[in-house]
């Protein structure tokens, strides 16, 4: 049982974990989470979450649920932020929620430094 988050992109640009990614603040971004069902089982109600925490402490989140994933298959979950984040520096965390029976959730989350412009 389980999933691995492969990459995250915004408007076709793959985000990088080691350098600041510039993203327009308006309209609120939609994050595309690319992930693979790495287990041997179909999984249901897979939750994809994104949170952006600004340097001032403001948090903006988004969530989307994929009804079902098949073993060995790759999926993209589109997660729009619920509101416009403040401009400036932020830490974006993207997560594919752990499923029942998942033993290794370390590969479910990626974090990115972002500058919302």
PDB file of N, CA and C in Angstrom:
ATOM      1  N   UNK A   1       0.842  -1.190   0.000  1.00  0.00           N
ATOM      2  CA  UNK A   1       0.000   0.000   0.000  1.00  0.00           C
ATOM      3  C   UNK A   1       0.877   1.240   0.000  1.00  0.00           C
ATOM      4  N   UNK A   2       0.516   2.219  -0.821  1.00  0.00           N
ATOM      5  CA  UNK A   2       1.225   3.481  -0.730  1.00  0.00           C
ATOM      6  C   UNK A   2       1.375   4.221  -2.035  1.00  0.00           C
ATOM      7  N   UNK A   3       1.809   5.458  -1.893  1.00  0.00           N
ATOM      8  CA  UNK A   3       2.042   6.340  -3.033  1.00  0.00           C
ATOM      9  C   UNK A   3       3.369   7.051  -2.859  1.00  0.00           C
ATOM     10  N   UNK A   4       3.924   7.538  -3.969  1.00  0.00           N
ATOM     11  CA  UNK A   4       5.132   8.362  -3.952  1.00  0.00           C
ATOM     12  C   UNK A   4       4.844   9.617  -4.763  1.00  0.00           C
ATOM     13  N   UNK A   5       5.120  10.774  -4.170  1.00  0.00           N
ATOM     14  CA  UNK A   5       4.957  12.049  -4.870  1.00  0.00           C
ATOM     15  C   UNK A   5       6.187  12.269  -5.737  1.00  0.00           C
ATOM     16  N   UNK A   6       5.995  12.318  -7.060  1.00  0.00           N
ATOM     17  CA  UNK A   6       7.111  12.423  -8.002  1.00  0.00           C
ATOM     18  C   UNK A   6       7.551  13.857  -8.243  1.00  0.00           C
ATOM     19  N   UNK A   7       6.578  14.740  -8.480  1.00  0.00           N
ATOM     20  CA  UNK A   7       6.899  16.130  -8.800  1.00  0.00           C
ATOM     21  C   UNK A   7       5.661  16.991  -8.601  1.00  0.00           C
ATOM     22  N   UNK A   8       5.909  18.299  -8.559  1.00  0.00           N
ATOM     23  CA  UNK A   8       4.831  19.270  -8.428  1.00  0.00           C
ATOM     24  C   UNK A   8       5.097  20.376  -9.444  1.00  0.00           C
ATOM     25  N   UNK A   9       4.046  20.798 -10.151  1.00  0.00           N
ATOM     26  CA  UNK A   9       4.216  21.871 -11.128  1.00  0.00           C
ATOM     27  C   UNK A   9       3.083  22.885 -11.000  1.00  0.00           C
ATOM     28  N   UNK A  10       3.358  24.085 -11.514  1.00  0.00           N
ATOM     29  CA  UNK A  10       2.361  25.153 -11.586  1.00  0.00           C
ATOM     30  C   UNK A  10       2.427  25.715 -12.994  1.00  0.00           C
ATOM     31  N   UNK A  11       1.293  25.727 -13.679  1.00  0.00           N
ATOM     32  CA  UNK A  11       1.208  26.261 -15.047  1.00  0.00           C
ATOM     33  C   UNK A  11       2.268  25.648 -15.961  1.00  0.00           C
ATOM     34  N   UNK A  12       2.501  24.348 -15.802  1.00  0.00           N
ATOM     35  CA  UNK A  12       3.427  23.639 -16.678  1.00  0.00           C
ATOM     36  C   UNK A  12       4.885  23.713 -16.271  1.00  0.00           C
ATOM     37  N   UNK A  13       5.217  24.475 -15.220  1.00  0.00           N
ATOM     38  CA  UNK A  13       6.596  24.591 -14.764  1.00  0.00           C
ATOM     39  C   UNK A  13       6.790  23.734 -13.520  1.00  0.00           C
ATOM     40  N   UNK A  14       7.726  22.779 -13.599  1.00  0.00           N
ATOM     41  CA  UNK A  14       8.009  21.908 -12.465  1.00  0.00           C
ATOM     42  C   UNK A  14       8.770  22.683 -11.398  1.00  0.00           C
ATOM     43  N   UNK A  15       8.281  22.604 -10.169  1.00  0.00           N
ATOM     44  CA  UNK A  15       8.927  23.312  -9.059  1.00  0.00           C
ATOM     45  C   UNK A  15      10.206  22.592  -8.652  1.00  0.00           C
ATOM     46  N   UNK A  16      11.182  23.367  -8.186  1.00  0.00           N
ATOM     47  CA  UNK A  16      12.472  22.842  -7.752  1.00  0.00           C
ATOM     48  C   UNK A  16      12.571  22.960  -6.232  1.00  0.00           C
ATOM     49  N   UNK A  17      13.086  21.905  -5.578  1.00  0.00           N
ATOM     50  CA  UNK A  17      13.183  21.932  -4.119  1.00  0.00           C
ATOM     51  C   UNK A  17      14.365  22.766  -3.640  1.00  0.00           C
ATOM     52  N   UNK A  18      15.407  22.920  -4.455  1.00  0.00           N
ATOM     53  CA  UNK A  18      16.626  23.555  -3.999  1.00  0.00           C
ATOM     54  C   UNK A  18      16.792  25.020  -4.353  1.00  0.00           C
ATOM     55  N   UNK A  19      15.817  25.607  -5.057  1.00  0.00           N
ATOM     56  CA  UNK A  19      15.926  27.020  -5.417  1.00  0.00           C
ATOM     57  C   UNK A  19      14.541  27.652  -5.359  1.00  0.00           C
ATOM     58  N   UNK A  20      14.511  28.978  -5.234  1.00  0.00           N
ATOM     59  CA  UNK A  20      13.234  29.680  -5.096  1.00  0.00           C
ATOM     60  C   UNK A  20      12.466  29.653  -6.418  1.00  0.00           C
ATOM     61  N   UNK A  21      11.199  29.281  -6.322  1.00  0.00           N
ATOM     62  CA  UNK A  21      10.300  29.206  -7.474  1.00  0.00           C
ATOM     63  C   UNK A  21       9.394  30.428  -7.452  1.00  0.00           C
ATOM     64  N   UNK A  22       9.310  31.145  -8.574  1.00  0.00           N
ATOM     65  CA  UNK A  22       8.448  32.325  -8.651  1.00  0.00           C
ATOM     66  C   UNK A  22       7.098  31.930  -9.237  1.00  0.00           C
ATOM     67  N   UNK A  23       6.033  32.267  -8.500  1.00  0.00           N
ATOM     68  CA  UNK A  23       4.670  31.906  -8.892  1.00  0.00           C
ATOM     69  C   UNK A  23       3.797  33.154  -8.772  1.00  0.00           C
ATOM     70  N   UNK A  24       2.923  33.415  -9.767  1.00  0.00           N
ATOM     71  CA  UNK A  24       2.000  34.545  -9.622  1.00  0.00           C
ATOM     72  C   UNK A  24       1.072  34.334  -8.424  1.00  0.00           C
ATOM     73  N   UNK A  25       0.839  35.386  -7.644  1.00  0.00           N
ATOM     74  CA  UNK A  25      -0.054  35.288  -6.481  1.00  0.00           C
ATOM     75  C   UNK A  25      -1.522  35.332  -6.912  1.00  0.00           C
ATOM     76  N   UNK A  26      -1.792  36.059  -8.025  1.00  0.00           N
ATOM     77  CA  UNK A  26      -3.162  36.214  -8.507  1.00  0.00           C
ATOM     78  C   UNK A  26      -3.249  35.778  -9.956  1.00  0.00           C
ATOM     79  N   UNK A  27      -4.227  34.964 -10.344  1.00  0.00           N
ATOM     80  CA  UNK A  27      -5.186  34.312  -9.459  1.00  0.00           C
ATOM     81  C   UNK A  27      -4.489  33.236  -8.623  1.00  0.00           C
ATOM     82  N   UNK A  28      -5.147  32.728  -7.553  1.00  0.00           N
ATOM     83  CA  UNK A  28      -4.516  31.687  -6.740  1.00  0.00           C
ATOM     84  C   UNK A  28      -4.069  30.514  -7.617  1.00  0.00           C
ATOM     85  N   UNK A  29      -2.843  30.066  -7.394  1.00  0.00           N
ATOM     86  CA  UNK A  29      -2.249  29.017  -8.231  1.00  0.00           C
ATOM     87  C   UNK A  29      -2.936  27.670  -8.043  1.00  0.00           C
ATOM     88  N   UNK A  30      -2.910  26.873  -9.123  1.00  0.00           N
ATOM     89  CA  UNK A  30      -3.312  25.475  -9.041  1.00  0.00           C
ATOM     90  C   UNK A  30      -2.047  24.644  -9.169  1.00  0.00           C
ATOM     91  N   UNK A  31      -1.803  23.788  -8.190  1.00  0.00           N
ATOM     92  CA  UNK A  31      -0.617  22.935  -8.152  1.00  0.00           C
ATOM     93  C   UNK A  31      -0.974  21.558  -8.691  1.00  0.00           C
ATOM     94  N   UNK A  32      -0.162  21.075  -9.633  1.00  0.00           N
ATOM     95  CA  UNK A  32      -0.367  19.738 -10.209  1.00  0.00           C
ATOM     96  C   UNK A  32       0.594  18.779  -9.510  1.00  0.00           C
ATOM     97  N   UNK A  33       0.044  17.870  -8.705  1.00  0.00           N
ATOM     98  CA  UNK A  33       0.851  16.883  -7.993  1.00  0.00           C
ATOM     99  C   UNK A  33       0.885  15.599  -8.814  1.00  0.00           C
ATOM    100  N   UNK A  34       2.077  15.224  -9.270  1.00  0.00           N
ATOM    101  CA  UNK A  34       2.257  13.998 -10.040  1.00  0.00           C
ATOM    102  C   UNK A  34       2.733  12.918  -9.072  1.00  0.00           C
ATOM    103  N   UNK A  35       1.958  11.832  -8.970  1.00  0.00           N
ATOM    104  CA  UNK A  35       2.328  10.780  -8.021  1.00  0.00           C
ATOM    105  C   UNK A  35       2.035   9.398  -8.598  1.00  0.00           C
ATOM    106  N   UNK A  36       2.680   8.398  -8.001  1.00  0.00           N
ATOM    107  CA  UNK A  36       2.531   7.016  -8.448  1.00  0.00           C
ATOM    108  C   UNK A  36       2.035   6.151  -7.301  1.00  0.00           C
ATOM    109  N   UNK A  37       1.099   5.269  -7.613  1.00  0.00           N
ATOM    110  CA  UNK A  37       0.681   4.245  -6.652  1.00  0.00           C
ATOM    111  C   UNK A  37       1.789   3.194  -6.670  1.00  0.00           C
ATOM    112  N   UNK A  38       2.632   3.195  -5.634  1.00  0.00           N
ATOM    113  CA  UNK A  38       3.800   2.304  -5.581  1.00  0.00           C
ATOM    114  C   UNK A  38       3.487   0.972  -4.921  1.00  0.00           C
ATOM    115  N   UNK A  39       2.240   0.794  -4.500  1.00  0.00           N
ATOM    116  CA  UNK A  39       1.860  -0.445  -3.825  1.00  0.00           C
ATOM    117  C   UNK A  39       1.349  -1.495  -4.802  1.00  0.00           C
ATOM    118  N   UNK A  40       0.856  -2.561  -4.232  1.00  0.00           N
ATOM    119  CA  UNK A  40       0.318  -3.675  -5.009  1.00  0.00           C
ATOM    120  C   UNK A  40      -1.213  -3.679  -5.022  1.00  0.00           C
ATOM    121  N   UNK A  41      -1.810  -2.612  -4.514  1.00  0.00           N
ATOM    122  CA  UNK A  41      -3.258  -2.578  -4.347  1.00  0.00           C
ATOM    123  C   UNK A  41      -3.857  -1.298  -4.910  1.00  0.00           C
ATOM    124  N   UNK A  42      -5.113  -1.388  -5.337  1.00  0.00           N
ATOM    125  CA  UNK A  42      -5.861  -0.175  -5.679  1.00  0.00           C
ATOM    126  C   UNK A  42      -6.157   0.552  -4.369  1.00  0.00           C
ATOM    127  N   UNK A  43      -6.130   1.884  -4.408  1.00  0.00           N
ATOM    128  CA  UNK A  43      -6.416   2.689  -3.220  1.00  0.00           C
ATOM    129  C   UNK A  43      -7.585   3.615  -3.544  1.00  0.00           C
ATOM    130  N   UNK A  44      -8.373   3.949  -2.536  1.00  0.00           N
ATOM    131  CA  UNK A  44      -9.525   4.819  -2.748  1.00  0.00           C
ATOM    132  C   UNK A  44      -9.418   6.076  -1.898  1.00  0.00           C
ATOM    133  N   UNK A  45     -10.077   7.126  -2.378  1.00  0.00           N
ATOM    134  CA  UNK A  45     -10.144   8.406  -1.663  1.00  0.00           C
ATOM    135  C   UNK A  45      -8.759   8.905  -1.255  1.00  0.00           C
ATOM    136  N   UNK A  46      -7.890   9.054  -2.255  1.00  0.00           N
ATOM    137  CA  UNK A  46      -6.526   9.527  -2.019  1.00  0.00           C
ATOM    138  C   UNK A  46      -6.549  11.057  -1.949  1.00  0.00           C
ATOM    139  N   UNK A  47      -6.118  11.612  -0.824  1.00  0.00           N
ATOM    140  CA  UNK A  47      -6.188  13.046  -0.578  1.00  0.00           C
ATOM    141  C   UNK A  47      -4.863  13.714  -0.949  1.00  0.00           C
ATOM    142  N   UNK A  48      -4.962  14.750  -1.794  1.00  0.00           N
ATOM    143  CA  UNK A  48      -3.808  15.572  -2.174  1.00  0.00           C
ATOM    144  C   UNK A  48      -3.986  16.928  -1.500  1.00  0.00           C
ATOM    145  N   UNK A  49      -2.916  17.405  -0.824  1.00  0.00           N
ATOM    146  CA  UNK A  49      -2.997  18.683  -0.109  1.00  0.00           C
ATOM    147  C   UNK A  49      -1.812  19.564  -0.477  1.00  0.00           C
ATOM    148  N   UNK A  50      -2.075  20.872  -0.496  1.00  0.00           N
ATOM    149  CA  UNK A  50      -1.014  21.863  -0.678  1.00  0.00           C
ATOM    150  C   UNK A  50      -1.220  22.935   0.378  1.00  0.00           C
ATOM    151  N   UNK A  51      -0.132  23.343   1.036  1.00  0.00           N
ATOM    152  CA  UNK A  51      -0.202  24.490   1.937  1.00  0.00           C
ATOM    153  C   UNK A  51       0.949  25.430   1.615  1.00  0.00           C
ATOM    154  N   UNK A  52       0.651  26.718   1.646  1.00  0.00           N
ATOM    155  CA  UNK A  52       1.656  27.758   1.432  1.00  0.00           C
ATOM    156  C   UNK A  52       1.689  28.609   2.693  1.00  0.00           C
ATOM    157  N   UNK A  53       2.846  28.601   3.376  1.00  0.00           N
ATOM    158  CA  UNK A  53       3.006  29.381   4.597  1.00  0.00           C
ATOM    159  C   UNK A  53       3.941  30.541   4.283  1.00  0.00           C
ATOM    160  N   UNK A  54       3.412  31.760   4.381  1.00  0.00           N
ATOM    161  CA  UNK A  54       4.210  32.945   4.044  1.00  0.00           C
ATOM    162  C   UNK A  54       5.180  33.274   5.165  1.00  0.00           C
ATOM    163  N   UNK A  55       6.161  34.116   4.838  1.00  0.00           N
ATOM    164  CA  UNK A  55       7.145  34.531   5.843  1.00  0.00           C
ATOM    165  C   UNK A  55       6.486  35.307   6.981  1.00  0.00           C
ATOM    166  N   UNK A  56       5.290  35.863   6.729  1.00  0.00           N
ATOM    167  CA  UNK A  56       4.560  36.580   7.783  1.00  0.00           C
ATOM    168  C   UNK A  56       3.675  35.641   8.608  1.00  0.00           C
ATOM    169  N   UNK A  57       3.654  34.347   8.240  1.00  0.00           N
ATOM    170  CA  UNK A  57       2.894  33.368   9.009  1.00  0.00           C
ATOM    171  C   UNK A  57       1.510  33.060   8.478  1.00  0.00           C
ATOM    172  N   UNK A  58       1.102  33.709   7.382  1.00  0.00           N
ATOM    173  CA  UNK A  58      -0.208  33.438   6.786  1.00  0.00           C
ATOM    174  C   UNK A  58      -0.170  32.094   6.056  1.00  0.00           C
ATOM    175  N   UNK A  59      -1.184  31.270   6.266  1.00  0.00           N
ATOM    176  CA  UNK A  59      -1.259  29.967   5.614  1.00  0.00           C
ATOM    177  C   UNK A  59      -2.446  29.930   4.666  1.00  0.00           C
ATOM    178  N   UNK A  60      -2.187  29.501   3.422  1.00  0.00           N
ATOM    179  CA  UNK A  60      -3.238  29.297   2.431  1.00  0.00           C
ATOM    180  C   UNK A  60      -3.149  27.839   2.006  1.00  0.00           C
ATOM    181  N   UNK A  61      -4.291  27.160   1.949  1.00  0.00           N
ATOM    182  CA  UNK A  61      -4.278  25.732   1.642  1.00  0.00           C
ATOM    183  C   UNK A  61      -5.204  25.400   0.484  1.00  0.00           C
ATOM    184  N   UNK A  62      -5.063  24.176  -0.001  1.00  0.00           N
ATOM    185  CA  UNK A  62      -5.951  23.607  -1.004  1.00  0.00           C
ATOM    186  C   UNK A  62      -5.946  22.103  -0.853  1.00  0.00           C
ATOM    187  N   UNK A  63      -7.043  21.466  -1.278  1.00  0.00           N
ATOM    188  CA  UNK A  63      -7.133  20.014  -1.157  1.00  0.00           C
ATOM    189  C   UNK A  63      -7.992  19.459  -2.276  1.00  0.00           C
ATOM    190  N   UNK A  64      -7.641  18.274  -2.734  1.00  0.00           N
ATOM    191  CA  UNK A  64      -8.398  17.583  -3.773  1.00  0.00           C
ATOM    192  C   UNK A  64      -8.322  16.088  -3.476  1.00  0.00           C
ATOM    193  N   UNK A  65      -9.355  15.349  -3.837  1.00  0.00           N
ATOM    194  CA  UNK A  65      -9.364  13.903  -3.603  1.00  0.00           C
ATOM    195  C   UNK A  65      -9.477  13.164  -4.929  1.00  0.00           C
ATOM    196  N   UNK A  66      -8.616  12.174  -5.105  1.00  0.00           N
ATOM    197  CA  UNK A  66      -8.683  11.277  -6.269  1.00  0.00           C
ATOM    198  C   UNK A  66      -9.502  10.059  -5.822  1.00  0.00           C
ATOM    199  N   UNK A  67     -10.596   9.733  -6.529  1.00  0.00           N
ATOM    200  CA  UNK A  67     -11.481   8.649  -6.069  1.00  0.00           C
ATOM    201  C   UNK A  67     -10.789   7.281  -5.961  1.00  0.00           C
ATOM    202  N   UNK A  68      -9.920   6.958  -6.938  1.00  0.00           N
ATOM    203  CA  UNK A  68      -9.257   5.643  -6.896  1.00  0.00           C
ATOM    204  C   UNK A  68      -7.967   5.684  -7.691  1.00  0.00           C
ATOM    205  N   UNK A  69      -6.950   4.958  -7.196  1.00  0.00           N
ATOM    206  CA  UNK A  69      -5.696   4.786  -7.937  1.00  0.00           C
ATOM    207  C   UNK A  69      -5.412   3.298  -8.065  1.00  0.00           C
ATOM    208  N   UNK A  70      -4.789   2.915  -9.192  1.00  0.00           N
ATOM    209  CA  UNK A  70      -4.451   1.520  -9.437  1.00  0.00           C
ATOM    210  C   UNK A  70      -2.973   1.267  -9.188  1.00  0.00           C
ATOM    211  N   UNK A  71      -2.653   0.062  -8.763  1.00  0.00           N
ATOM    212  CA  UNK A  71      -1.268  -0.318  -8.475  1.00  0.00           C
ATOM    213  C   UNK A  71      -0.373  -0.050  -9.685  1.00  0.00           C
ATOM    214  N   UNK A  72       0.749   0.642  -9.451  1.00  0.00           N
ATOM    215  CA  UNK A  72       1.729   0.897 -10.495  1.00  0.00           C
ATOM    216  C   UNK A  72       1.373   2.026 -11.443  1.00  0.00           C
ATOM    217  N   UNK A  73       0.241   2.668 -11.256  1.00  0.00           N
ATOM    218  CA  UNK A  73      -0.209   3.721 -12.159  1.00  0.00           C
ATOM    219  C   UNK A  73       0.206   5.099 -11.639  1.00  0.00           C
ATOM    220  N   UNK A  74       0.391   6.044 -12.579  1.00  0.00           N
ATOM    221  CA  UNK A  74       0.758   7.412 -12.235  1.00  0.00           C
ATOM    222  C   UNK A  74      -0.436   8.332 -12.466  1.00  0.00           C
ATOM    223  N   UNK A  75      -0.609   9.292 -11.568  1.00  0.00           N
ATOM    224  CA  UNK A  75      -1.759  10.190 -11.592  1.00  0.00           C
ATOM    225  C   UNK A  75      -1.301  11.632 -11.396  1.00  0.00           C
ATOM    226  N   UNK A  76      -2.156  12.568 -11.807  1.00  0.00           N
ATOM    227  CA  UNK A  76      -1.925  13.978 -11.526  1.00  0.00           C
ATOM    228  C   UNK A  76      -3.161  14.515 -10.825  1.00  0.00           C
ATOM    229  N   UNK A  77      -2.931  15.116  -9.685  1.00  0.00           N
ATOM    230  CA  UNK A  77      -3.998  15.691  -8.869  1.00  0.00           C
ATOM    231  C   UNK A  77      -3.865  17.213  -8.956  1.00  0.00           C
ATOM    232  N   UNK A  78      -4.928  17.895  -9.412  1.00  0.00           N
ATOM    233  CA  UNK A  78      -4.921  19.359  -9.543  1.00  0.00           C
ATOM    234  C   UNK A  78      -5.461  19.965  -8.248  1.00  0.00           C
ATOM    235  N   UNK A  79      -4.594  20.692  -7.532  1.00  0.00           N
ATOM    236  CA  UNK A  79      -4.983  21.261  -6.237  1.00  0.00           C
ATOM    237  C   UNK A  79      -4.919  22.792  -6.302  1.00  0.00           C
ATOM    238  N   UNK A  80      -6.082  23.469  -6.403  1.00  0.00           N
ATOM    239  CA  UNK A  80      -6.079  24.942  -6.398  1.00  0.00           C
ATOM    240  C   UNK A  80      -6.002  25.458  -4.963  1.00  0.00           C
ATOM    241  N   UNK A  81      -5.250  26.540  -4.778  1.00  0.00           N
ATOM    242  CA  UNK A  81      -5.268  27.206  -3.475  1.00  0.00           C
ATOM    243  C   UNK A  81      -6.650  27.829  -3.286  1.00  0.00           C
ATOM    244  N   UNK A  82      -7.145  27.821  -2.054  1.00  0.00           N
ATOM    245  CA  UNK A  82      -8.500  28.320  -1.771  1.00  0.00           C
ATOM    246  C   UNK A  82      -8.607  29.828  -1.839  1.00  0.00           C
ATOM    247  N   UNK A  83      -7.467  30.515  -1.633  1.00  0.00           N
ATOM    248  CA  UNK A  83      -7.486  31.979  -1.679  1.00  0.00           C
ATOM    249  C   UNK A  83      -6.133  32.479  -2.161  1.00  0.00           C
ATOM    250  N   UNK A  84      -6.048  33.766  -2.394  1.00  0.00           N
ATOM    251  CA  UNK A  84      -4.815  34.368  -2.888  1.00  0.00           C
ATOM    252  C   UNK A  84      -3.788  34.455  -1.758  1.00  0.00           C
ATOM    253  N   UNK A  85      -2.588  33.909  -1.967  1.00  0.00           N
ATOM    254  CA  UNK A  85      -1.562  34.014  -0.923  1.00  0.00           C
ATOM    255  C   UNK A  85      -0.979  35.427  -0.898  1.00  0.00           C
ATOM    256  N   UNK A  86      -0.420  35.837   0.247  1.00  0.00           N
ATOM    257  CA  UNK A  86       0.248  37.133   0.273  1.00  0.00           C
ATOM    258  C   UNK A  86       1.495  37.104  -0.613  1.00  0.00           C
ATOM    259  N   UNK A  87       1.833  38.257  -1.202  1.00  0.00           N
ATOM    260  CA  UNK A  87       3.038  38.299  -2.031  1.00  0.00           C
ATOM    261  C   UNK A  87       4.266  38.184  -1.134  1.00  0.00           C
ATOM    262  N   UNK A  88       5.344  37.674  -1.736  1.00  0.00           N
ATOM    263  CA  UNK A  88       6.591  37.509  -0.996  1.00  0.00           C
ATOM    264  C   UNK A  88       6.946  36.050  -0.796  1.00  0.00           C
ATOM    265  N   UNK A  89       7.885  35.820   0.103  1.00  0.00           N
ATOM    266  CA  UNK A  89       8.421  34.474   0.320  1.00  0.00           C
ATOM    267  C   UNK A  89       7.429  33.582   1.057  1.00  0.00           C
ATOM    268  N   UNK A  90       7.457  32.301   0.663  1.00  0.00           N
ATOM    269  CA  UNK A  90       6.607  31.311   1.319  1.00  0.00           C
ATOM    270  C   UNK A  90       7.251  29.938   1.194  1.00  0.00           C
ATOM    271  N   UNK A  91       6.825  29.035   2.059  1.00  0.00           N
ATOM    272  CA  UNK A  91       7.219  27.630   1.975  1.00  0.00           C
ATOM    273  C   UNK A  91       5.973  26.871   1.531  1.00  0.00           C
ATOM    274  N   UNK A  92       6.067  26.185   0.392  1.00  0.00           N
ATOM    275  CA  UNK A  92       4.944  25.392  -0.105  1.00  0.00           C
ATOM    276  C   UNK A  92       5.218  23.918   0.194  1.00  0.00           C
ATOM    277  N   UNK A  93       4.234  23.267   0.804  1.00  0.00           N
ATOM    278  CA  UNK A  93       4.328  21.838   1.104  1.00  0.00           C
ATOM    279  C   UNK A  93       3.215  21.124   0.351  1.00  0.00           C
ATOM    280  N   UNK A  94       3.605  20.135  -0.456  1.00  0.00           N
ATOM    281  CA  UNK A  94       2.638  19.325  -1.207  1.00  0.00           C
ATOM    282  C   UNK A  94       2.697  17.902  -0.667  1.00  0.00           C
ATOM    283  N   UNK A  95       1.520  17.314  -0.414  1.00  0.00           N
ATOM    284  CA  UNK A  95       1.462  15.988   0.193  1.00  0.00           C
ATOM    285  C   UNK A  95       0.381  15.131  -0.459  1.00  0.00           C
ATOM    286  N   UNK A  96       0.731  13.868  -0.699  1.00  0.00           N
ATOM    287  CA  UNK A  96      -0.261  12.853  -1.047  1.00  0.00           C
ATOM    288  C   UNK A  96      -0.490  12.080   0.249  1.00  0.00           C
ATOM    289  N   UNK A  97      -1.717  12.127   0.746  1.00  0.00           N
ATOM    290  CA  UNK A  97      -2.016  11.535   2.050  1.00  0.00           C
ATOM    291  C   UNK A  97      -1.717  10.049   2.114  1.00  0.00           C
ATOM    292  N   UNK A  98      -1.255   9.610   3.284  1.00  0.00           N
ATOM    293  CA  UNK A  98      -0.997   8.185   3.506  1.00  0.00           C
ATOM    294  C   UNK A  98      -2.321   7.419   3.444  1.00  0.00           C
ATOM    295  N   UNK A  99      -2.253   6.208   2.936  1.00  0.00           N
ATOM    296  CA  UNK A  99      -3.442   5.359   2.828  1.00  0.00           C
ATOM    297  C   UNK A  99      -3.342   4.234   3.860  1.00  0.00           C
ATOM    298  N   UNK A 100      -4.474   3.618   4.219  1.00  0.00           N
ATOM    299  CA  UNK A 100      -4.421   2.525   5.200  1.00  0.00           C
ATOM    300  C   UNK A 100      -3.441   1.438   4.754  1.00  0.00           C
ATOM    301  N   UNK A 101      -2.549   1.055   5.662  1.00  0.00           N
ATOM    302  CA  UNK A 101      -1.565   0.021   5.358  1.00  0.00           C
ATOM    303  C   UNK A 101      -0.261   0.534   4.791  1.00  0.00           C
ATOM    304  N   UNK A 102      -0.161   1.849   4.530  1.00  0.00           N
ATOM    305  CA  UNK A 102       1.075   2.418   3.980  1.00  0.00           C
ATOM    306  C   UNK A 102       2.142   2.437   5.069  1.00  0.00           C
ATOM    307  N   UNK A 103       3.298   1.844   4.784  1.00  0.00           N
ATOM    308  CA  UNK A 103       4.361   1.725   5.778  1.00  0.00           C
ATOM    309  C   UNK A 103       5.406   2.842   5.651  1.00  0.00           C
ATOM    310  N   UNK A 104       5.570   3.426   4.454  1.00  0.00           N
ATOM    311  CA  UNK A 104       6.583   4.450   4.238  1.00  0.00           C
ATOM    312  C   UNK A 104       5.913   5.692   3.647  1.00  0.00           C
ATOM    313  N   UNK A 105       5.692   6.693   4.499  1.00  0.00           N
ATOM    314  CA  UNK A 105       5.073   7.930   4.023  1.00  0.00           C
ATOM    315  C   UNK A 105       6.119   9.012   3.777  1.00  0.00           C
ATOM    316  N   UNK A 106       7.408   8.687   3.906  1.00  0.00           N
ATOM    317  CA  UNK A 106       8.472   9.680   3.742  1.00  0.00           C
ATOM    318  C   UNK A 106       8.520  10.231   2.317  1.00  0.00           C
ATOM    319  N   UNK A 107       8.065   9.442   1.329  1.00  0.00           N
ATOM    320  CA  UNK A 107       8.100   9.890  -0.069  1.00  0.00           C
ATOM    321  C   UNK A 107       6.769  10.499  -0.510  1.00  0.00           C
ATOM    322  N   UNK A 108       5.917  10.860   0.443  1.00  0.00           N
ATOM    323  CA  UNK A 108       4.597  11.423   0.123  1.00  0.00           C
ATOM    324  C   UNK A 108       4.585  12.943   0.093  1.00  0.00           C
ATOM    325  N   UNK A 109       5.669  13.592   0.555  1.00  0.00           N
ATOM    326  CA  UNK A 109       5.679  15.043   0.711  1.00  0.00           C
ATOM    327  C   UNK A 109       6.897  15.664   0.041  1.00  0.00           C
ATOM    328  N   UNK A 110       6.680  16.799  -0.632  1.00  0.00           N
ATOM    329  CA  UNK A 110       7.772  17.612  -1.176  1.00  0.00           C
ATOM    330  C   UNK A 110       7.565  19.043  -0.692  1.00  0.00           C
ATOM    331  N   UNK A 111       8.683  19.745  -0.397  1.00  0.00           N
ATOM    332  CA  UNK A 111       8.622  21.126   0.064  1.00  0.00           C
ATOM    333  C   UNK A 111       9.426  22.014  -0.868  1.00  0.00           C
ATOM    334  N   UNK A 112       8.891  23.225  -1.109  1.00  0.00           N
ATOM    335  CA  UNK A 112       9.493  24.144  -2.081  1.00  0.00           C
ATOM    336  C   UNK A 112       9.550  25.567  -1.531  1.00  0.00           C
ATOM    337  N   UNK A 113      10.694  26.249  -1.689  1.00  0.00           N
ATOM    338  CA  UNK A 113      10.714  27.684  -1.410  1.00  0.00           C
ATOM    339  C   UNK A 113      10.079  28.417  -2.587  1.00  0.00           C
ATOM    340  N   UNK A 114       9.145  29.339  -2.287  1.00  0.00           N
ATOM    341  CA  UNK A 114       8.387  30.020  -3.335  1.00  0.00           C
ATOM    342  C   UNK A 114       8.388  31.518  -3.077  1.00  0.00           C
ATOM    343  N   UNK A 115       8.391  32.272  -4.154  1.00  0.00           N
ATOM    344  CA  UNK A 115       8.160  33.716  -4.092  1.00  0.00           C
ATOM    345  C   UNK A 115       6.879  33.996  -4.861  1.00  0.00           C
ATOM    346  N   UNK A 116       5.831  34.389  -4.142  1.00  0.00           N
ATOM    347  CA  UNK A 116       4.572  34.757  -4.803  1.00  0.00           C
ATOM    348  C   UNK A 116       4.690  36.208  -5.236  1.00  0.00           C
ATOM    349  N   UNK A 117       4.485  36.469  -6.538  1.00  0.00           N
ATOM    350  CA  UNK A 117       4.629  37.814  -7.093  1.00  0.00           C
ATOM    351  C   UNK A 117       3.284  38.404  -7.476  1.00  0.00           C
TER     352      UNK A 117
END
